[in-house]
Each structure stands twice: as C-alpha cells, then as structure tokens.
Amino acid sequence: MFDKTENTLLTVNGMHCNHCKAKVENTLKALKGVKKYTVSLETASAEVEYVPKKITPAEIASAITNAGFEASVK
C-alpha cells in the first residue's frame, strides 16, 4: 500500500543559474519522503510532492536553506 502524498509550493531565493537549480534538486532528491519535485529558476520556486508521515514542508524548506538558499513555504 502506498503512503498518501501531498503537494507544497516553496519560494526558493538565491538560485542564479542551472548549477544552483541542480543543488536544490539534489537536496530534494536526498530527502526521505520527497517523491517528486519541480524546481524553477524563472519563478524562484519548488513544487514538491511529499509523504506527510515522513517529512513536513517546513523540514523541506529547512533542508534547502541549509544547502545555501532562502526557502519558505508559500
């Protein structure tokens, strides 16, 4: 049986190039409970599908902030 997922939209400031975008993507990829994500340089955002039993939007934002970017839940 699959865990129920939810979506969250995060503001991610400080991304200036594709390398920055890749760093955010790699951070999300490493998080347990994150299923899918789309990171956008153009809108300075990340849309994330996650399993609420395993991780919260605040924890996702914190991980991105720890990677060197300003992240917050929209």
C-alpha atoms as a PDB file:
ATOM      1  CA  MET A   1       0.000   0.000   0.000  1.00  0.00           C
ATOM      2  CA  PHE A   2       1.228   3.460  -0.913  1.00  0.00           C
ATOM      3  CA  ASP A   3       1.599   6.311   1.544  1.00  0.00           C
ATOM      4  CA  LYS A   4      -0.678   9.278   0.876  1.00  0.00           C
ATOM      5  CA  THR A   5       1.152  12.234  -0.662  1.00  0.00           C
ATOM      6  CA  GLU A   6       0.541  15.963  -0.574  1.00  0.00           C
ATOM      7  CA  ASN A   7       1.973  18.876  -2.544  1.00  0.00           C
ATOM      8  CA  THR A   8       3.599  22.060  -1.326  1.00  0.00           C
ATOM      9  CA  LEU A   9       4.964  25.117  -3.091  1.00  0.00           C
ATOM     10  CA  LEU A  10       8.146  26.670  -1.745  1.00  0.00           C
ATOM     11  CA  THR A  11       9.743  30.006  -2.530  1.00  0.00           C
ATOM     12  CA  VAL A  12      13.475  29.490  -3.145  1.00  0.00           C
ATOM     13  CA  ASN A  13      15.546  32.674  -3.290  1.00  0.00           C
ATOM     14  CA  GLY A  14      19.217  32.748  -4.191  1.00  0.00           C
ATOM     15  CA  MET A  15      19.166  30.496  -7.270  1.00  0.00           C
ATOM     16  CA  HIS A  16      21.041  32.277 -10.065  1.00  0.00           C
ATOM     17  CA  CYS A  17      21.991  29.542 -12.526  1.00  0.00           C
ATOM     18  CA  ASN A  18      21.430  25.922 -13.508  1.00  0.00           C
ATOM     19  CA  HIS A  19      24.108  24.835 -11.018  1.00  0.00           C
ATOM     20  CA  CYS A  20      22.058  26.414  -8.210  1.00  0.00           C
ATOM     21  CA  LYS A  21      18.920  24.715  -9.513  1.00  0.00           C
ATOM     22  CA  ALA A  22      20.741  21.361  -9.591  1.00  0.00           C
ATOM     23  CA  LYS A  23      21.929  21.864  -5.998  1.00  0.00           C
ATOM     24  CA  VAL A  24      18.315  22.391  -4.862  1.00  0.00           C
ATOM     25  CA  GLU A  25      17.195  19.349  -6.886  1.00  0.00           C
ATOM     26  CA  ASN A  26      19.932  17.184  -5.346  1.00  0.00           C
ATOM     27  CA  THR A  27      18.920  18.370  -1.881  1.00  0.00           C
ATOM     28  CA  LEU A  28      15.299  17.395  -2.547  1.00  0.00           C
ATOM     29  CA  LYS A  29      16.336  14.067  -4.081  1.00  0.00           C
ATOM     30  CA  ALA A  30      18.197  13.137  -0.885  1.00  0.00           C
ATOM     31  CA  LEU A  31      15.229  13.763   1.430  1.00  0.00           C
ATOM     32  CA  LYS A  32      13.277  10.732   2.605  1.00  0.00           C
ATOM     33  CA  GLY A  33       9.594  11.320   2.000  1.00  0.00           C
ATOM     34  CA  VAL A  34      10.021  13.529  -1.070  1.00  0.00           C
ATOM     35  CA  LYS A  35       8.500  11.742  -4.065  1.00  0.00           C
ATOM     36  CA  LYS A  36       8.612  14.281  -6.922  1.00  0.00           C
ATOM     37  CA  TYR A  37       9.739  17.855  -7.385  1.00  0.00           C
ATOM     38  CA  THR A  38       9.951  20.591  -9.980  1.00  0.00           C
ATOM     39  CA  VAL A  39      12.410  23.415  -9.384  1.00  0.00           C
ATOM     40  CA  SER A  40      12.056  26.636 -11.391  1.00  0.00           C
ATOM     41  CA  LEU A  41      14.711  29.317 -11.771  1.00  0.00           C
ATOM     42  CA  GLU A  42      12.196  31.586 -13.526  1.00  0.00           C
ATOM     43  CA  THR A  43       9.699  31.640 -10.650  1.00  0.00           C
ATOM     44  CA  ALA A  44      12.233  31.060  -7.838  1.00  0.00           C
ATOM     45  CA  SER A  45      10.152  28.169  -6.575  1.00  0.00           C
ATOM     46  CA  ALA A  46       9.991  24.441  -5.979  1.00  0.00           C
ATOM     47  CA  GLU A  47       6.833  22.368  -6.217  1.00  0.00           C
ATOM     48  CA  VAL A  48       7.259  19.253  -4.101  1.00  0.00           C
ATOM     49  CA  GLU A  49       5.178  16.095  -3.712  1.00  0.00           C
ATOM     50  CA  TYR A  50       5.900  14.534  -0.335  1.00  0.00           C
ATOM     51  CA  VAL A  51       4.646  11.966   2.191  1.00  0.00           C
ATOM     52  CA  PRO A  52       3.381  13.862   5.274  1.00  0.00           C
ATOM     53  CA  LYS A  53       4.049  10.863   7.539  1.00  0.00           C
ATOM     54  CA  LYS A  54       7.762  11.140   6.700  1.00  0.00           C
ATOM     55  CA  ILE A  55       8.513  14.864   6.222  1.00  0.00           C
ATOM     56  CA  THR A  56       6.866  18.282   6.564  1.00  0.00           C
ATOM     57  CA  PRO A  57       7.020  21.319   4.256  1.00  0.00           C
ATOM     58  CA  ALA A  58       8.947  23.179   6.969  1.00  0.00           C
ATOM     59  CA  GLU A  59      11.563  20.394   7.072  1.00  0.00           C
ATOM     60  CA  ILE A  60      11.863  20.509   3.273  1.00  0.00           C
ATOM     61  CA  ALA A  61      12.357  24.295   3.369  1.00  0.00           C
ATOM     62  CA  SER A  62      14.923  23.911   6.156  1.00  0.00           C
ATOM     63  CA  ALA A  63      16.952  21.412   4.110  1.00  0.00           C
ATOM     64  CA  ILE A  64      17.021  23.816   1.147  1.00  0.00           C
ATOM     65  CA  THR A  65      18.038  26.678   3.454  1.00  0.00           C
ATOM     66  CA  ASN A  66      20.840  24.503   4.879  1.00  0.00           C
ATOM     67  CA  ALA A  67      22.039  23.975   1.288  1.00  0.00           C
ATOM     68  CA  GLY A  68      22.615  27.733   0.989  1.00  0.00           C
ATOM     69  CA  PHE A  69      19.338  29.150  -0.302  1.00  0.00           C
ATOM     70  CA  GLU A  70      16.488  31.072   1.321  1.00  0.00           C
ATOM     71  CA  ALA A  71      13.461  28.773   1.256  1.00  0.00           C
ATOM     72  CA  SER A  72       9.997  29.202   2.722  1.00  0.00           C
ATOM     73  CA  VAL A  73       6.575  27.646   2.304  1.00  0.00           C
ATOM     74  CA  LYS A  74       4.313  29.785   0.102  1.00  0.00           C
END
